[in-house]
């Protein structure tokens, strides 16, 4: 089962990853875990990205490997890029300040100065 696309059987909303476990030793971690952007791609697109990286981004090698034309390779790359961009959210400046505050890298006063 591809967990990155799992939907609730009851309401249809996306399921969340809440627990990671090491089967051999039984250690587990619970929390809220985010699925990486590449894992959100379809299985077919993940295979395409994997092959593209393994062939050092060579469109010519992708043409030969997959038996598709140059424009088809380019169109697949554009579609994958669009899908990845749709999931990409750059952290705001405020988020960085709040993370620094939480990590103890900034005082409350310094954080307030940066946020205003």
PDB file of N, CA and C in Angstrom:
ATOM      1  N   UNK A   1       0.841  -1.189   0.000  1.00  0.00           N
ATOM      2  CA  UNK A   1       0.000   0.000   0.000  1.00  0.00           C
ATOM      3  C   UNK A   1       0.880   1.245   0.000  1.00  0.00           C
ATOM      4  N   UNK A   2       0.569   2.187  -0.849  1.00  0.00           N
ATOM      5  CA  UNK A   2       1.312   3.439  -0.909  1.00  0.00           C
ATOM      6  C   UNK A   2       0.717   4.391   0.116  1.00  0.00           C
ATOM      7  N   UNK A   3       1.373   4.515   1.269  1.00  0.00           N
ATOM      8  CA  UNK A   3       0.864   5.313   2.384  1.00  0.00           C
ATOM      9  C   UNK A   3       0.725   6.787   2.031  1.00  0.00           C
ATOM     10  N   UNK A   4       1.534   7.273   1.077  1.00  0.00           N
ATOM     11  CA  UNK A   4       1.477   8.691   0.735  1.00  0.00           C
ATOM     12  C   UNK A   4       0.154   9.067   0.082  1.00  0.00           C
ATOM     13  N   UNK A   5      -0.599   8.066  -0.408  1.00  0.00           N
ATOM     14  CA  UNK A   5      -1.866   8.350  -1.075  1.00  0.00           C
ATOM     15  C   UNK A   5      -3.036   7.687  -0.347  1.00  0.00           C
ATOM     16  N   UNK A   6      -2.814   7.175   0.867  1.00  0.00           N
ATOM     17  CA  UNK A   6      -3.856   6.470   1.605  1.00  0.00           C
ATOM     18  C   UNK A   6      -4.971   7.426   2.003  1.00  0.00           C
ATOM     19  N   UNK A   7      -6.199   6.975   1.805  1.00  0.00           N
ATOM     20  CA  UNK A   7      -7.384   7.760   2.151  1.00  0.00           C
ATOM     21  C   UNK A   7      -8.192   7.000   3.196  1.00  0.00           C
ATOM     22  N   UNK A   8      -8.877   7.747   4.044  1.00  0.00           N
ATOM     23  CA  UNK A   8      -9.734   7.169   5.075  1.00  0.00           C
ATOM     24  C   UNK A   8     -10.923   6.470   4.415  1.00  0.00           C
ATOM     25  N   UNK A   9     -11.193   5.250   4.833  1.00  0.00           N
ATOM     26  CA  UNK A   9     -12.327   4.502   4.281  1.00  0.00           C
ATOM     27  C   UNK A   9     -13.661   5.115   4.690  1.00  0.00           C
ATOM     28  N   UNK A  10     -13.671   5.846   5.792  1.00  0.00           N
ATOM     29  CA  UNK A  10     -14.908   6.411   6.300  1.00  0.00           C
ATOM     30  C   UNK A  10     -15.257   7.748   5.651  1.00  0.00           C
ATOM     31  N   UNK A  11     -14.294   8.706   5.666  1.00  0.00           N
ATOM     32  CA  UNK A  11     -14.605  10.058   5.178  1.00  0.00           C
ATOM     33  C   UNK A  11     -13.884  10.437   3.890  1.00  0.00           C
ATOM     34  N   UNK A  12     -12.885   9.631   3.471  1.00  0.00           N
ATOM     35  CA  UNK A  12     -12.180   9.905   2.228  1.00  0.00           C
ATOM     36  C   UNK A  12     -11.045  10.899   2.328  1.00  0.00           C
ATOM     37  N   UNK A  13     -10.784  11.426   3.515  1.00  0.00           N
ATOM     38  CA  UNK A  13      -9.699  12.388   3.687  1.00  0.00           C
ATOM     39  C   UNK A  13      -8.353  11.662   3.721  1.00  0.00           C
ATOM     40  N   UNK A  14      -7.252  12.381   3.403  1.00  0.00           N
ATOM     41  CA  UNK A  14      -5.928  11.741   3.431  1.00  0.00           C
ATOM     42  C   UNK A  14      -5.576  11.263   4.841  1.00  0.00           C
ATOM     43  N   UNK A  15      -4.968  10.098   4.908  1.00  0.00           N
ATOM     44  CA  UNK A  15      -4.503   9.559   6.188  1.00  0.00           C
ATOM     45  C   UNK A  15      -3.158  10.194   6.533  1.00  0.00           C
ATOM     46  N   UNK A  16      -2.835  10.235   7.825  1.00  0.00           N
ATOM     47  CA  UNK A  16      -1.567  10.792   8.289  1.00  0.00           C
ATOM     48  C   UNK A  16      -0.703   9.681   8.870  1.00  0.00           C
ATOM     49  N   UNK A  17       0.606   9.854   8.752  1.00  0.00           N
ATOM     50  CA  UNK A  17       1.544   8.923   9.377  1.00  0.00           C
ATOM     51  C   UNK A  17       1.735   9.393  10.817  1.00  0.00           C
ATOM     52  N   UNK A  18       1.455   8.531  11.773  1.00  0.00           N
ATOM     53  CA  UNK A  18       1.543   8.897  13.191  1.00  0.00           C
ATOM     54  C   UNK A  18       2.571   8.069  13.965  1.00  0.00           C
ATOM     55  N   UNK A  19       3.013   6.945  13.391  1.00  0.00           N
ATOM     56  CA  UNK A  19       3.909   6.068  14.136  1.00  0.00           C
ATOM     57  C   UNK A  19       4.912   5.422  13.186  1.00  0.00           C
ATOM     58  N   UNK A  20       6.179   5.429  13.615  1.00  0.00           N
ATOM     59  CA  UNK A  20       7.246   4.729  12.904  1.00  0.00           C
ATOM     60  C   UNK A  20       7.787   3.672  13.848  1.00  0.00           C
ATOM     61  N   UNK A  21       8.047   2.491  13.321  1.00  0.00           N
ATOM     62  CA  UNK A  21       8.503   1.404  14.182  1.00  0.00           C
ATOM     63  C   UNK A  21       9.602   0.593  13.506  1.00  0.00           C
ATOM     64  N   UNK A  22      10.612   0.215  14.317  1.00  0.00           N
ATOM     65  CA  UNK A  22      11.670  -0.678  13.864  1.00  0.00           C
ATOM     66  C   UNK A  22      11.252  -2.088  14.287  1.00  0.00           C
ATOM     67  N   UNK A  23      10.882  -2.901  13.319  1.00  0.00           N
ATOM     68  CA  UNK A  23      10.395  -4.255  13.622  1.00  0.00           C
ATOM     69  C   UNK A  23      11.431  -5.126  14.334  1.00  0.00           C
ATOM     70  N   UNK A  24      12.704  -5.121  13.903  1.00  0.00           N
ATOM     71  CA  UNK A  24      13.669  -6.013  14.569  1.00  0.00           C
ATOM     72  C   UNK A  24      13.856  -5.738  16.060  1.00  0.00           C
ATOM     73  N   UNK A  25      13.893  -4.467  16.464  1.00  0.00           N
ATOM     74  CA  UNK A  25      14.163  -4.204  17.884  1.00  0.00           C
ATOM     75  C   UNK A  25      12.960  -3.672  18.646  1.00  0.00           C
ATOM     76  N   UNK A  26      11.878  -3.337  17.951  1.00  0.00           N
ATOM     77  CA  UNK A  26      10.660  -2.911  18.635  1.00  0.00           C
ATOM     78  C   UNK A  26      10.620  -1.449  19.038  1.00  0.00           C
ATOM     79  N   UNK A  27      11.639  -0.684  18.717  1.00  0.00           N
ATOM     80  CA  UNK A  27      11.634   0.744  19.053  1.00  0.00           C
ATOM     81  C   UNK A  27      10.638   1.446  18.139  1.00  0.00           C
ATOM     82  N   UNK A  28       9.837   2.349  18.727  1.00  0.00           N
ATOM     83  CA  UNK A  28       8.892   3.095  17.908  1.00  0.00           C
ATOM     84  C   UNK A  28       8.901   4.568  18.296  1.00  0.00           C
ATOM     85  N   UNK A  29       8.480   5.390  17.355  1.00  0.00           N
ATOM     86  CA  UNK A  29       8.377   6.828  17.564  1.00  0.00           C
ATOM     87  C   UNK A  29       6.987   7.236  17.109  1.00  0.00           C
ATOM     88  N   UNK A  30       6.299   8.007  17.957  1.00  0.00           N
ATOM     89  CA  UNK A  30       4.974   8.481  17.591  1.00  0.00           C
ATOM     90  C   UNK A  30       5.004   9.991  17.461  1.00  0.00           C
ATOM     91  N   UNK A  31       4.218  10.503  16.543  1.00  0.00           N
ATOM     92  CA  UNK A  31       4.140  11.943  16.308  1.00  0.00           C
ATOM     93  C   UNK A  31       3.431  12.188  14.995  1.00  0.00           C
ATOM     94  N   UNK A  32       3.631  13.371  14.443  1.00  0.00           N
ATOM     95  CA  UNK A  32       3.073  13.686  13.138  1.00  0.00           C
ATOM     96  C   UNK A  32       4.219  13.748  12.149  1.00  0.00           C
ATOM     97  N   UNK A  33       4.196  12.862  11.146  1.00  0.00           N
ATOM     98  CA  UNK A  33       5.268  12.765  10.178  1.00  0.00           C
ATOM     99  C   UNK A  33       4.756  13.179   8.811  1.00  0.00           C
ATOM    100  N   UNK A  34       5.542  13.976   8.133  1.00  0.00           N
ATOM    101  CA  UNK A  34       5.160  14.461   6.815  1.00  0.00           C
ATOM    102  C   UNK A  34       5.704  13.527   5.736  1.00  0.00           C
ATOM    103  N   UNK A  35       4.899  13.284   4.740  1.00  0.00           N
ATOM    104  CA  UNK A  35       5.341  12.486   3.604  1.00  0.00           C
ATOM    105  C   UNK A  35       6.167  13.395   2.706  1.00  0.00           C
ATOM    106  N   UNK A  36       7.388  12.999   2.341  1.00  0.00           N
ATOM    107  CA  UNK A  36       8.226  13.843   1.481  1.00  0.00           C
ATOM    108  C   UNK A  36       7.559  14.095   0.126  1.00  0.00           C
ATOM    109  N   UNK A  37       7.834  15.259  -0.479  1.00  0.00           N
ATOM    110  CA  UNK A  37       7.205  15.599  -1.759  1.00  0.00           C
ATOM    111  C   UNK A  37       7.389  14.542  -2.846  1.00  0.00           C
ATOM    112  N   UNK A  38       8.561  13.944  -2.948  1.00  0.00           N
ATOM    113  CA  UNK A  38       8.765  12.921  -3.977  1.00  0.00           C
ATOM    114  C   UNK A  38       7.891  11.697  -3.732  1.00  0.00           C
ATOM    115  N   UNK A  39       7.612  11.387  -2.479  1.00  0.00           N
ATOM    116  CA  UNK A  39       6.766  10.237  -2.154  1.00  0.00           C
ATOM    117  C   UNK A  39       5.302  10.511  -2.471  1.00  0.00           C
ATOM    118  N   UNK A  40       4.951  11.773  -2.663  1.00  0.00           N
ATOM    119  CA  UNK A  40       3.573  12.128  -3.012  1.00  0.00           C
ATOM    120  C   UNK A  40       3.292  11.943  -4.506  1.00  0.00           C
ATOM    121  N   UNK A  41       4.348  11.749  -5.279  1.00  0.00           N
ATOM    122  CA  UNK A  41       4.173  11.510  -6.716  1.00  0.00           C
ATOM    123  C   UNK A  41       3.585  10.121  -6.938  1.00  0.00           C
ATOM    124  N   UNK A  42       2.977   9.912  -8.101  1.00  0.00           N
ATOM    125  CA  UNK A  42       2.475   8.584  -8.439  1.00  0.00           C
ATOM    126  C   UNK A  42       3.655   7.615  -8.525  1.00  0.00           C
ATOM    127  N   UNK A  43       3.367   6.335  -8.420  1.00  0.00           N
ATOM    128  CA  UNK A  43       4.426   5.323  -8.522  1.00  0.00           C
ATOM    129  C   UNK A  43       5.169   5.458  -9.848  1.00  0.00           C
ATOM    130  N   UNK A  44       4.418   5.686 -10.914  1.00  0.00           N
ATOM    131  CA  UNK A  44       5.016   5.828 -12.242  1.00  0.00           C
ATOM    132  C   UNK A  44       5.963   7.032 -12.306  1.00  0.00           C
ATOM    133  N   UNK A  45       5.555   8.152 -11.712  1.00  0.00           N
ATOM    134  CA  UNK A  45       6.416   9.337 -11.713  1.00  0.00           C
ATOM    135  C   UNK A  45       7.643   9.143 -10.822  1.00  0.00           C
ATOM    136  N   UNK A  46       7.496   8.404  -9.735  1.00  0.00           N
ATOM    137  CA  UNK A  46       8.646   8.116  -8.876  1.00  0.00           C
ATOM    138  C   UNK A  46       9.681   7.285  -9.626  1.00  0.00           C
ATOM    139  N   UNK A  47       9.225   6.298 -10.385  1.00  0.00           N
ATOM    140  CA  UNK A  47      10.132   5.464 -11.180  1.00  0.00           C
ATOM    141  C   UNK A  47      10.835   6.336 -12.223  1.00  0.00           C
ATOM    142  N   UNK A  48      10.100   7.239 -12.848  1.00  0.00           N
ATOM    143  CA  UNK A  48      10.670   8.133 -13.856  1.00  0.00           C
ATOM    144  C   UNK A  48      11.762   9.011 -13.238  1.00  0.00           C
ATOM    145  N   UNK A  49      11.483   9.612 -12.083  1.00  0.00           N
ATOM    146  CA  UNK A  49      12.470  10.471 -11.402  1.00  0.00           C
ATOM    147  C   UNK A  49      13.694   9.651 -11.023  1.00  0.00           C
ATOM    148  N   UNK A  50      13.477   8.460 -10.508  1.00  0.00           N
ATOM    149  CA  UNK A  50      14.586   7.583 -10.120  1.00  0.00           C
ATOM    150  C   UNK A  50      15.486   7.295 -11.326  1.00  0.00           C
ATOM    151  N   UNK A  51      14.871   6.932 -12.445  1.00  0.00           N
ATOM    152  CA  UNK A  51      15.642   6.640 -13.665  1.00  0.00           C
ATOM    153  C   UNK A  51      16.371   7.890 -14.150  1.00  0.00           C
ATOM    154  N   UNK A  52      15.713   9.032 -14.098  1.00  0.00           N
ATOM    155  CA  UNK A  52      16.306  10.293 -14.561  1.00  0.00           C
ATOM    156  C   UNK A  52      17.552  10.638 -13.733  1.00  0.00           C
ATOM    157  N   UNK A  53      17.452  10.478 -12.438  1.00  0.00           N
ATOM    158  CA  UNK A  53      18.602  10.760 -11.556  1.00  0.00           C
ATOM    159  C   UNK A  53      19.710   9.737 -11.793  1.00  0.00           C
ATOM    160  N   UNK A  54      19.350   8.465 -11.902  1.00  0.00           N
ATOM    161  CA  UNK A  54      20.364   7.420 -12.145  1.00  0.00           C
ATOM    162  C   UNK A  54      21.122   7.643 -13.445  1.00  0.00           C
ATOM    163  N   UNK A  55      20.466   8.262 -14.418  1.00  0.00           N
ATOM    164  CA  UNK A  55      21.106   8.534 -15.709  1.00  0.00           C
ATOM    165  C   UNK A  55      21.603   9.976 -15.794  1.00  0.00           C
ATOM    166  N   UNK A  56      21.839  10.568 -14.621  1.00  0.00           N
ATOM    167  CA  UNK A  56      22.455  11.889 -14.506  1.00  0.00           C
ATOM    168  C   UNK A  56      21.722  12.967 -15.291  1.00  0.00           C
ATOM    169  N   UNK A  57      20.412  12.858 -15.366  1.00  0.00           N
ATOM    170  CA  UNK A  57      19.609  13.872 -16.034  1.00  0.00           C
ATOM    171  C   UNK A  57      19.723  13.885 -17.542  1.00  0.00           C
ATOM    172  N   UNK A  58      20.170  12.808 -18.114  1.00  0.00           N
ATOM    173  CA  UNK A  58      20.331  12.744 -19.566  1.00  0.00           C
ATOM    174  C   UNK A  58      18.996  12.423 -20.242  1.00  0.00           C
ATOM    175  N   UNK A  59      18.483  13.386 -20.982  1.00  0.00           N
ATOM    176  CA  UNK A  59      17.230  13.172 -21.696  1.00  0.00           C
ATOM    177  C   UNK A  59      17.432  12.135 -22.794  1.00  0.00           C
ATOM    178  N   UNK A  60      18.597  12.140 -23.434  1.00  0.00           N
ATOM    179  CA  UNK A  60      18.881  11.144 -24.489  1.00  0.00           C
ATOM    180  C   UNK A  60      18.829   9.722 -23.921  1.00  0.00           C
ATOM    181  N   UNK A  61      19.406   9.526 -22.731  1.00  0.00           N
ATOM    182  CA  UNK A  61      19.376   8.192 -22.120  1.00  0.00           C
ATOM    183  C   UNK A  61      17.949   7.807 -21.738  1.00  0.00           C
ATOM    184  N   UNK A  62      17.156   8.786 -21.293  1.00  0.00           N
ATOM    185  CA  UNK A  62      15.765   8.510 -20.938  1.00  0.00           C
ATOM    186  C   UNK A  62      14.967   8.114 -22.177  1.00  0.00           C
ATOM    187  N   UNK A  63      15.249   8.769 -23.298  1.00  0.00           N
ATOM    188  CA  UNK A  63      14.588   8.411 -24.559  1.00  0.00           C
ATOM    189  C   UNK A  63      14.839   6.940 -24.891  1.00  0.00           C
ATOM    190  N   UNK A  64      16.115   6.541 -24.810  1.00  0.00           N
ATOM    191  CA  UNK A  64      16.488   5.157 -25.139  1.00  0.00           C
ATOM    192  C   UNK A  64      15.911   4.168 -24.121  1.00  0.00           C
ATOM    193  N   UNK A  65      16.034   4.492 -22.842  1.00  0.00           N
ATOM    194  CA  UNK A  65      15.585   3.599 -21.784  1.00  0.00           C
ATOM    195  C   UNK A  65      14.081   3.334 -21.862  1.00  0.00           C
ATOM    196  N   UNK A  66      13.311   4.392 -22.067  1.00  0.00           N
ATOM    197  CA  UNK A  66      11.860   4.269 -22.033  1.00  0.00           C
ATOM    198  C   UNK A  66      11.220   4.140 -23.413  1.00  0.00           C
ATOM    199  N   UNK A  67      12.029   4.324 -24.449  1.00  0.00           N
ATOM    200  CA  UNK A  67      11.487   4.233 -25.804  1.00  0.00           C
ATOM    201  C   UNK A  67      10.494   5.344 -26.108  1.00  0.00           C
ATOM    202  N   UNK A  68      10.779   6.540 -25.602  1.00  0.00           N
ATOM    203  CA  UNK A  68       9.893   7.683 -25.837  1.00  0.00           C
ATOM    204  C   UNK A  68      10.689   8.824 -26.457  1.00  0.00           C
ATOM    205  N   UNK A  69       9.987   9.790 -27.032  1.00  0.00           N
ATOM    206  CA  UNK A  69      10.644  10.896 -27.726  1.00  0.00           C
ATOM    207  C   UNK A  69      11.123  11.969 -26.759  1.00  0.00           C
ATOM    208  N   UNK A  70      12.011  12.812 -27.271  1.00  0.00           N
ATOM    209  CA  UNK A  70      12.536  13.949 -26.503  1.00  0.00           C
ATOM    210  C   UNK A  70      11.398  14.816 -25.962  1.00  0.00           C
ATOM    211  N   UNK A  71      10.422  15.223 -26.801  1.00  0.00           N
ATOM    212  CA  UNK A  71       9.328  16.045 -26.269  1.00  0.00           C
ATOM    213  C   UNK A  71       8.520  15.337 -25.178  1.00  0.00           C
ATOM    214  N   UNK A  72       8.392  14.020 -25.285  1.00  0.00           N
ATOM    215  CA  UNK A  72       7.651  13.277 -24.258  1.00  0.00           C
ATOM    216  C   UNK A  72       8.407  13.302 -22.934  1.00  0.00           C
ATOM    217  N   UNK A  73       9.724  13.126 -22.993  1.00  0.00           N
ATOM    218  CA  UNK A  73      10.541  13.206 -21.772  1.00  0.00           C
ATOM    219  C   UNK A  73      10.384  14.598 -21.153  1.00  0.00           C
ATOM    220  N   UNK A  74      10.513  15.636 -21.975  1.00  0.00           N
ATOM    221  CA  UNK A  74      10.382  17.021 -21.478  1.00  0.00           C
ATOM    222  C   UNK A  74       9.000  17.259 -20.868  1.00  0.00           C
ATOM    223  N   UNK A  75       7.958  16.754 -21.509  1.00  0.00           N
ATOM    224  CA  UNK A  75       6.603  16.936 -20.985  1.00  0.00           C
ATOM    225  C   UNK A  75       6.416  16.218 -19.655  1.00  0.00           C
ATOM    226  N   UNK A  76       6.990  15.016 -19.521  1.00  0.00           N
ATOM    227  CA  UNK A  76       6.917  14.289 -18.246  1.00  0.00           C
ATOM    228  C   UNK A  76       7.632  15.071 -17.148  1.00  0.00           C
ATOM    229  N   UNK A  77       8.812  15.605 -17.486  1.00  0.00           N
ATOM    230  CA  UNK A  77       9.561  16.393 -16.502  1.00  0.00           C
ATOM    231  C   UNK A  77       8.778  17.633 -16.080  1.00  0.00           C
ATOM    232  N   UNK A  78       8.147  18.304 -17.048  1.00  0.00           N
ATOM    233  CA  UNK A  78       7.337  19.490 -16.719  1.00  0.00           C
ATOM    234  C   UNK A  78       6.174  19.119 -15.800  1.00  0.00           C
ATOM    235  N   UNK A  79       5.509  18.027 -16.112  1.00  0.00           N
ATOM    236  CA  UNK A  79       4.373  17.594 -15.295  1.00  0.00           C
ATOM    237  C   UNK A  79       4.815  17.235 -13.873  1.00  0.00           C
ATOM    238  N   UNK A  80       5.942  16.561 -13.758  1.00  0.00           N
ATOM    239  CA  UNK A  80       6.460  16.199 -12.433  1.00  0.00           C
ATOM    240  C   UNK A  80       6.872  17.447 -11.669  1.00  0.00           C
ATOM    241  N   UNK A  81       7.519  18.380 -12.346  1.00  0.00           N
ATOM    242  CA  UNK A  81       7.915  19.633 -11.710  1.00  0.00           C
ATOM    243  C   UNK A  81       6.689  20.391 -11.216  1.00  0.00           C
ATOM    244  N   UNK A  82       5.649  20.427 -12.023  1.00  0.00           N
ATOM    245  CA  UNK A  82       4.406  21.103 -11.621  1.00  0.00           C
ATOM    246  C   UNK A  82       3.815  20.447 -10.378  1.00  0.00           C
ATOM    247  N   UNK A  83       3.810  19.111 -10.353  1.00  0.00           N
ATOM    248  CA  UNK A  83       3.283  18.390  -9.188  1.00  0.00           C
ATOM    249  C   UNK A  83       4.119  18.673  -7.942  1.00  0.00           C
ATOM    250  N   UNK A  84       5.444  18.707  -8.092  1.00  0.00           N
ATOM    251  CA  UNK A  84       6.310  18.988  -6.946  1.00  0.00           C
ATOM    252  C   UNK A  84       6.136  20.432  -6.481  1.00  0.00           C
ATOM    253  N   UNK A  85       6.023  21.364  -7.429  1.00  0.00           N
ATOM    254  CA  UNK A  85       5.845  22.775  -7.071  1.00  0.00           C
ATOM    255  C   UNK A  85       4.531  22.993  -6.332  1.00  0.00           C
ATOM    256  N   UNK A  86       3.499  22.226  -6.670  1.00  0.00           N
ATOM    257  CA  UNK A  86       2.199  22.373  -6.015  1.00  0.00           C
ATOM    258  C   UNK A  86       2.285  21.993  -4.539  1.00  0.00           C
ATOM    259  N   UNK A  87       3.220  21.118  -4.194  1.00  0.00           N
ATOM    260  CA  UNK A  87       3.384  20.673  -2.807  1.00  0.00           C
ATOM    261  C   UNK A  87       4.445  21.460  -2.046  1.00  0.00           C
ATOM    262  N   UNK A  88       5.137  22.363  -2.732  1.00  0.00           N
ATOM    263  CA  UNK A  88       6.246  23.074  -2.110  1.00  0.00           C
ATOM    264  C   UNK A  88       5.770  24.338  -1.424  1.00  0.00           C
ATOM    265  N   UNK A  89       6.134  24.467  -0.174  1.00  0.00           N
ATOM    266  CA  UNK A  89       5.841  25.681   0.576  1.00  0.00           C
ATOM    267  C   UNK A  89       7.123  26.125   1.259  1.00  0.00           C
ATOM    268  N   UNK A  90       7.637  27.260   0.825  1.00  0.00           N
ATOM    269  CA  UNK A  90       8.835  27.799   1.462  1.00  0.00           C
ATOM    270  C   UNK A  90       8.450  28.355   2.823  1.00  0.00           C
ATOM    271  N   UNK A  91       9.271  28.108   3.837  1.00  0.00           N
ATOM    272  CA  UNK A  91       8.947  28.660   5.147  1.00  0.00           C
ATOM    273  C   UNK A  91       9.003  30.179   5.112  1.00  0.00           C
ATOM    274  N   UNK A  92       8.060  30.804   5.789  1.00  0.00           N
ATOM    275  CA  UNK A  92       8.038  32.264   5.847  1.00  0.00           C
ATOM    276  C   UNK A  92       9.125  32.751   6.799  1.00  0.00           C
ATOM    277  N   UNK A  93       9.429  34.026   6.712  1.00  0.00           N
ATOM    278  CA  UNK A  93      10.421  34.619   7.615  1.00  0.00           C
ATOM    279  C   UNK A  93       9.962  34.468   9.062  1.00  0.00           C
ATOM    280  N   UNK A  94       8.659  34.606   9.303  1.00  0.00           N
ATOM    281  CA  UNK A  94       8.128  34.451  10.661  1.00  0.00           C
ATOM    282  C   UNK A  94       8.345  33.038  11.184  1.00  0.00           C
ATOM    283  N   UNK A  95       8.190  32.043  10.320  1.00  0.00           N
ATOM    284  CA  UNK A  95       8.402  30.650  10.729  1.00  0.00           C
ATOM    285  C   UNK A  95       9.838  30.436  11.168  1.00  0.00           C
ATOM    286  N   UNK A  96      10.781  31.013  10.418  1.00  0.00           N
ATOM    287  CA  UNK A  96      12.198  30.866  10.775  1.00  0.00           C
ATOM    288  C   UNK A  96      12.485  31.512  12.129  1.00  0.00           C
ATOM    289  N   UNK A  97      11.889  32.672  12.386  1.00  0.00           N
ATOM    290  CA  UNK A  97      12.085  33.357  13.673  1.00  0.00           C
ATOM    291  C   UNK A  97      11.511  32.504  14.799  1.00  0.00           C
ATOM    292  N   UNK A  98      10.316  31.961  14.586  1.00  0.00           N
ATOM    293  CA  UNK A  98       9.686  31.140  15.626  1.00  0.00           C
ATOM    294  C   UNK A  98      10.466  29.848  15.872  1.00  0.00           C
ATOM    295  N   UNK A  99      11.033  29.275  14.827  1.00  0.00           N
ATOM    296  CA  UNK A  99      11.858  28.078  15.000  1.00  0.00           C
ATOM    297  C   UNK A  99      13.126  28.406  15.780  1.00  0.00           C
ATOM    298  N   UNK A 100      13.741  29.548  15.492  1.00  0.00           N
ATOM    299  CA  UNK A 100      14.938  29.966  16.229  1.00  0.00           C
ATOM    300  C   UNK A 100      14.595  30.222  17.693  1.00  0.00           C
ATOM    301  N   UNK A 101      13.442  30.802  17.942  1.00  0.00           N
ATOM    302  CA  UNK A 101      12.990  31.036  19.318  1.00  0.00           C
ATOM    303  C   UNK A 101      12.792  29.710  20.040  1.00  0.00           C
ATOM    304  N   UNK A 102      12.122  28.766  19.382  1.00  0.00           N
ATOM    305  CA  UNK A 102      11.868  27.458  19.989  1.00  0.00           C
ATOM    306  C   UNK A 102      13.162  26.701  20.268  1.00  0.00           C
ATOM    307  N   UNK A 103      14.171  26.902  19.416  1.00  0.00           N
ATOM    308  CA  UNK A 103      15.451  26.219  19.596  1.00  0.00           C
ATOM    309  C   UNK A 103      16.339  26.918  20.620  1.00  0.00           C
ATOM    310  N   UNK A 104      15.870  28.042  21.138  1.00  0.00           N
ATOM    311  CA  UNK A 104      16.656  28.782  22.123  1.00  0.00           C
ATOM    312  C   UNK A 104      17.753  29.623  21.509  1.00  0.00           C
ATOM    313  N   UNK A 105      17.695  29.836  20.191  1.00  0.00           N
ATOM    314  CA  UNK A 105      18.707  30.626  19.498  1.00  0.00           C
ATOM    315  C   UNK A 105      18.415  32.122  19.569  1.00  0.00           C
ATOM    316  N   UNK A 106      17.177  32.470  19.921  1.00  0.00           N
ATOM    317  CA  UNK A 106      16.770  33.867  20.060  1.00  0.00           C
ATOM    318  C   UNK A 106      16.046  34.054  21.384  1.00  0.00           C
ATOM    319  N   UNK A 107      16.182  35.235  21.958  1.00  0.00           N
ATOM    320  CA  UNK A 107      15.391  35.576  23.140  1.00  0.00           C
ATOM    321  C   UNK A 107      13.997  35.988  22.682  1.00  0.00           C
ATOM    322  N   UNK A 108      13.073  36.040  23.609  1.00  0.00           N
ATOM    323  CA  UNK A 108      11.720  36.480  23.273  1.00  0.00           C
ATOM    324  C   UNK A 108      11.750  37.906  22.734  1.00  0.00           C
ATOM    325  N   UNK A 109      12.551  38.762  23.352  1.00  0.00           N
ATOM    326  CA  UNK A 109      12.638  40.154  22.917  1.00  0.00           C
ATOM    327  C   UNK A 109      13.189  40.253  21.490  1.00  0.00           C
ATOM    328  N   UNK A 110      14.233  39.489  21.197  1.00  0.00           N
ATOM    329  CA  UNK A 110      14.824  39.511  19.862  1.00  0.00           C
ATOM    330  C   UNK A 110      13.833  38.988  18.815  1.00  0.00           C
ATOM    331  N   UNK A 111      13.087  37.940  19.200  1.00  0.00           N
ATOM    332  CA  UNK A 111      12.088  37.389  18.288  1.00  0.00           C
ATOM    333  C   UNK A 111      10.998  38.408  18.027  1.00  0.00           C
ATOM    334  N   UNK A 112      10.530  39.090  19.071  1.00  0.00           N
ATOM    335  CA  UNK A 112       9.503  40.107  18.887  1.00  0.00           C
ATOM    336  C   UNK A 112       9.988  41.242  17.986  1.00  0.00           C
ATOM    337  N   UNK A 113      11.240  41.641  18.151  1.00  0.00           N
ATOM    338  CA  UNK A 113      11.816  42.686  17.277  1.00  0.00           C
ATOM    339  C   UNK A 113      11.806  42.251  15.821  1.00  0.00           C
ATOM    340  N   UNK A 114      12.190  40.996  15.568  1.00  0.00           N
ATOM    341  CA  UNK A 114      12.243  40.498  14.202  1.00  0.00           C
ATOM    342  C   UNK A 114      10.858  40.313  13.600  1.00  0.00           C
ATOM    343  N   UNK A 115       9.872  39.998  14.435  1.00  0.00           N
ATOM    344  CA  UNK A 115       8.516  39.786  13.944  1.00  0.00           C
ATOM    345  C   UNK A 115       7.763  41.084  13.684  1.00  0.00           C
ATOM    346  N   UNK A 116       8.232  42.180  14.277  1.00  0.00           N
ATOM    347  CA  UNK A 116       7.518  43.452  14.058  1.00  0.00           C
ATOM    348  C   UNK A 116       8.127  44.306  13.001  1.00  0.00           C
TER     349      UNK A 116
END
